[in-house]
C-alpha atoms as a PDB file:
ATOM      1  CA  ALA A   1      19.925  53.238  76.623  1.00  0.00           C
ATOM      2  CA  ASP A   2      20.264  53.232  72.857  1.00  0.00           C
ATOM      3  CA  PRO A   3      22.829  50.580  71.777  1.00  0.00           C
ATOM      4  CA  ARG A   4      24.145  52.858  69.010  1.00  0.00           C
ATOM      5  CA  TRP A   5      24.856  55.601  71.529  1.00  0.00           C
ATOM      6  CA  GLU A   6      26.502  53.096  73.852  1.00  0.00           C
ATOM      7  CA  ALA A   7      28.743  51.918  70.992  1.00  0.00           C
ATOM      8  CA  ILE A   8      29.883  55.475  70.276  1.00  0.00           C
ATOM      9  CA  LEU A   9      30.494  56.097  73.972  1.00  0.00           C
ATOM     10  CA  LYS A  10      32.578  52.927  74.247  1.00  0.00           C
ATOM     11  CA  VAL A  11      34.850  54.071  71.401  1.00  0.00           C
ATOM     12  CA  VAL A  12      35.219  57.579  72.818  1.00  0.00           C
ATOM     13  CA  GLU A  13      35.951  56.265  76.320  1.00  0.00           C
ATOM     14  CA  SER A  14      38.719  54.046  74.929  1.00  0.00           C
ATOM     15  CA  ILE A  15      40.713  57.097  73.798  1.00  0.00           C
ATOM     16  CA  PRO A  16      43.246  57.996  76.508  1.00  0.00           C
ATOM     17  CA  ARG A  17      42.896  61.486  77.966  1.00  0.00           C
ATOM     18  CA  PRO A  18      46.090  63.503  78.188  1.00  0.00           C
ATOM     19  CA  ALA A  19      47.061  64.542  81.720  1.00  0.00           C
ATOM     20  CA  TRP A  20      46.588  68.250  80.998  1.00  0.00           C
ATOM     21  CA  LEU A  21      42.975  67.647  79.920  1.00  0.00           C
ATOM     22  CA  ARG A  22      42.171  65.459  82.907  1.00  0.00           C
ATOM     23  CA  GLU A  23      43.646  68.083  85.256  1.00  0.00           C
ATOM     24  CA  ALA A  24      41.757  70.916  83.552  1.00  0.00           C
ATOM     25  CA  VAL A  25      38.432  69.093  83.795  1.00  0.00           C
ATOM     26  CA  GLU A  26      39.012  68.089  87.405  1.00  0.00           C
ATOM     27  CA  SER A  27      39.918  71.675  88.354  1.00  0.00           C
ATOM     28  CA  GLY A  28      36.618  72.947  86.934  1.00  0.00           C
ATOM     29  CA  SER A  29      37.963  74.722  83.855  1.00  0.00           C
ATOM     30  CA  GLU A  30      35.324  75.889  81.406  1.00  0.00           C
ATOM     31  CA  VAL A  31      35.176  74.105  78.067  1.00  0.00           C
ATOM     32  CA  ILE A  32      34.831  76.504  75.145  1.00  0.00           C
ATOM     33  CA  ALA A  33      33.760  75.182  71.752  1.00  0.00           C
ATOM     34  CA  ILE A  34      34.090  77.188  68.569  1.00  0.00           C
ATOM     35  CA  GLY A  35      32.490  76.809  65.170  1.00  0.00           C
ATOM     36  CA  GLY A  36      30.189  78.161  62.523  1.00  0.00           C
ATOM     37  CA  PRO A  37      26.411  78.160  62.141  1.00  0.00           C
ATOM     38  CA  THR A  38      26.115  74.446  61.274  1.00  0.00           C
ATOM     39  CA  CYS A  39      28.781  73.058  63.606  1.00  0.00           C
ATOM     40  CA  ALA A  40      27.915  70.405  66.175  1.00  0.00           C
ATOM     41  CA  PHE A  41      28.267  72.836  69.071  1.00  0.00           C
ATOM     42  CA  ARG A  42      25.800  75.304  67.548  1.00  0.00           C
ATOM     43  CA  MET A  43      23.363  72.433  67.032  1.00  0.00           C
ATOM     44  CA  CYS A  44      23.726  71.518  70.727  1.00  0.00           C
ATOM     45  CA  GLU A  45      23.042  75.104  71.762  1.00  0.00           C
ATOM     46  CA  MET A  46      19.948  75.199  69.546  1.00  0.00           C
ATOM     47  CA  ALA A  47      18.688  71.794  70.724  1.00  0.00           C
ATOM     48  CA  THR A  48      18.948  72.849  74.370  1.00  0.00           C
ATOM     49  CA  GLY A  49      16.792  75.890  73.775  1.00  0.00           C
ATOM     50  CA  GLY A  50      19.668  78.343  73.465  1.00  0.00           C
ATOM     51  CA  LEU A  51      21.292  77.235  76.722  1.00  0.00           C
ATOM     52  CA  ASN A  52      24.869  78.510  76.682  1.00  0.00           C
ATOM     53  CA  PRO A  53      26.783  76.956  78.203  1.00  0.00           C
ATOM     54  CA  PHE A  54      24.799  73.812  77.458  1.00  0.00           C
ATOM     55  CA  THR A  55      24.897  70.958  79.960  1.00  0.00           C
ATOM     56  CA  LEU A  56      25.117  67.218  79.446  1.00  0.00           C
ATOM     57  CA  PRO A  57      21.770  66.446  81.165  1.00  0.00           C
ATOM     58  CA  ARG A  58      19.962  69.024  79.030  1.00  0.00           C
ATOM     59  CA  LEU A  59      21.666  67.758  75.873  1.00  0.00           C
ATOM     60  CA  GLU A  60      20.673  64.166  76.671  1.00  0.00           C
ATOM     61  CA  ALA A  61      17.090  65.326  77.251  1.00  0.00           C
ATOM     62  CA  ALA A  62      17.119  67.128  73.885  1.00  0.00           C
ATOM     63  CA  ILE A  63      18.315  63.971  72.128  1.00  0.00           C
ATOM     64  CA  LYS A  64      15.460  61.996  73.671  1.00  0.00           C
ATOM     65  CA  GLU A  65      12.974  64.676  72.563  1.00  0.00           C
ATOM     66  CA  LEU A  66      14.299  64.915  69.006  1.00  0.00           C
ATOM     67  CA  LYS A  67      15.164  61.335  68.094  1.00  0.00           C
ATOM     68  CA  MET A  68      11.636  60.372  67.054  1.00  0.00           C
ATOM     69  CA  LYS A  69      11.084  63.410  64.825  1.00  0.00           C
ATOM     70  CA  SER A  70      11.257  63.133  61.045  1.00  0.00           C
ATOM     71  CA  ASP A  71      13.658  65.197  58.941  1.00  0.00           C
ATOM     72  CA  ALA A  72      10.675  67.290  57.825  1.00  0.00           C
ATOM     73  CA  GLU A  73       9.724  67.985  61.442  1.00  0.00           C
ATOM     74  CA  LEU A  74      13.314  68.927  62.278  1.00  0.00           C
ATOM     75  CA  LYS A  75      13.479  71.194  59.238  1.00  0.00           C
ATOM     76  CA  GLY A  76      10.285  72.840  60.441  1.00  0.00           C
ATOM     77  CA  LEU A  77      12.095  73.612  63.687  1.00  0.00           C
ATOM     78  CA  ALA A  78      14.709  75.577  61.682  1.00  0.00           C
ATOM     79  CA  TYR A  79      17.677  73.305  62.300  1.00  0.00           C
ATOM     80  CA  PRO A  80      20.383  73.745  59.663  1.00  0.00           C
ATOM     81  CA  GLN A  81      21.461  70.422  58.181  1.00  0.00           C
ATOM     82  CA  GLU A  82      18.605  68.649  59.947  1.00  0.00           C
ATOM     83  CA  THR A  83      19.769  65.258  58.670  1.00  0.00           C
ATOM     84  CA  MET A  84      23.004  65.708  60.633  1.00  0.00           C
ATOM     85  CA  LEU A  85      21.403  66.996  63.838  1.00  0.00           C
ATOM     86  CA  LEU A  86      21.158  63.783  65.831  1.00  0.00           C
ATOM     87  CA  PRO A  87      24.569  62.395  64.834  1.00  0.00           C
ATOM     88  CA  LYS A  88      26.152  65.675  65.936  1.00  0.00           C
ATOM     89  CA  LEU A  89      24.244  65.796  69.227  1.00  0.00           C
ATOM     90  CA  VAL A  90      25.063  62.180  70.086  1.00  0.00           C
ATOM     91  CA  LEU A  91      28.737  62.644  69.250  1.00  0.00           C
ATOM     92  CA  ILE A  92      29.073  65.751  71.447  1.00  0.00           C
ATOM     93  CA  ALA A  93      27.093  64.153  74.297  1.00  0.00           C
ATOM     94  CA  SER A  94      29.309  61.052  74.110  1.00  0.00           C
ATOM     95  CA  VAL A  95      32.493  63.108  74.234  1.00  0.00           C
ATOM     96  CA  MET A  96      31.153  65.208  77.122  1.00  0.00           C
ATOM     97  CA  LYS A  97      30.240  62.086  79.063  1.00  0.00           C
ATOM     98  CA  ALA A  98      33.496  60.260  78.359  1.00  0.00           C
ATOM     99  CA  LEU A  99      35.674  63.250  79.235  1.00  0.00           C
ATOM    100  CA  GLY A 100      33.643  64.390  82.221  1.00  0.00           C
ATOM    101  CA  PHE A 101      32.582  67.766  80.797  1.00  0.00           C
ATOM    102  CA  LYS A 102      29.678  69.128  82.834  1.00  0.00           C
ATOM    103  CA  SER A 103      28.999  71.894  80.329  1.00  0.00           C
ATOM    104  CA  VAL A 104      30.320  73.428  77.128  1.00  0.00           C
ATOM    105  CA  ARG A 105      30.146  77.081  76.107  1.00  0.00           C
ATOM    106  CA  TYR A 106      29.722  77.675  72.377  1.00  0.00           C
ATOM    107  CA  GLU A 107      31.330  80.684  70.701  1.00  0.00           C
ATOM    108  CA  TYR A 108      30.472  81.476  67.104  1.00  0.00           C
ATOM    109  CA  THR A 109      33.376  81.792  64.680  1.00  0.00           C
ATOM    110  CA  ASN A 110      33.336  82.505  60.977  1.00  0.00           C
ATOM    111  CA  GLY A 111      35.389  79.457  60.077  1.00  0.00           C
ATOM    112  CA  SER A 112      38.801  81.034  60.555  1.00  0.00           C
ATOM    113  CA  THR A 113      39.898  80.045  64.037  1.00  0.00           C
ATOM    114  CA  ARG A 114      43.453  81.386  63.966  1.00  0.00           C
ATOM    115  CA  GLY A 115      42.190  84.474  65.735  1.00  0.00           C
ATOM    116  CA  VAL A 116      41.504  82.408  68.846  1.00  0.00           C
ATOM    117  CA  LEU A 117      45.234  82.231  69.492  1.00  0.00           C
ATOM    118  CA  SER A 118      45.532  86.007  69.615  1.00  0.00           C
ATOM    119  CA  THR A 119      42.243  86.854  71.341  1.00  0.00           C
ATOM    120  CA  LYS A 120      43.343  87.736  74.857  1.00  0.00           C
ATOM    121  CA  GLU A 121      39.770  87.646  76.206  1.00  0.00           C
ATOM    122  CA  LEU A 122      39.546  83.894  75.574  1.00  0.00           C
ATOM    123  CA  TRP A 123      42.775  83.210  77.449  1.00  0.00           C
ATOM    124  CA  LYS A 124      42.226  85.554  80.393  1.00  0.00           C
ATOM    125  CA  GLY A 125      38.583  84.724  81.079  1.00  0.00           C
ATOM    126  CA  SER A 126      37.295  88.294  80.957  1.00  0.00           C
ATOM    127  CA  TRP A 127      34.098  87.266  79.223  1.00  0.00           C
END
């Protein structure tokens, strides 16, 4: 294992999980991540070949595949902000591992996330 990744994981694991989050994860609730075209969650979706929801094992495999590529090679693969790709992937993978998330579903937003609070479909699971 990469010592840098292990260091990030150690920090993330030291953050206490609130009871509601622990209960939600243990009950199998789906994790929904929102963000724009360059957010970490979009990068994870792209790196896993468009897998949505993306899984931790597939994300870890993508990190292993991508970590030896140069910025030019990553740019050639059409990643936005290619210099931030690996830091974003490692951060999300570390959080998923520390919190026990098996998968995360990415939903594109335009940067204004207030609408999430009033979007009934996200709260009722009709997707």
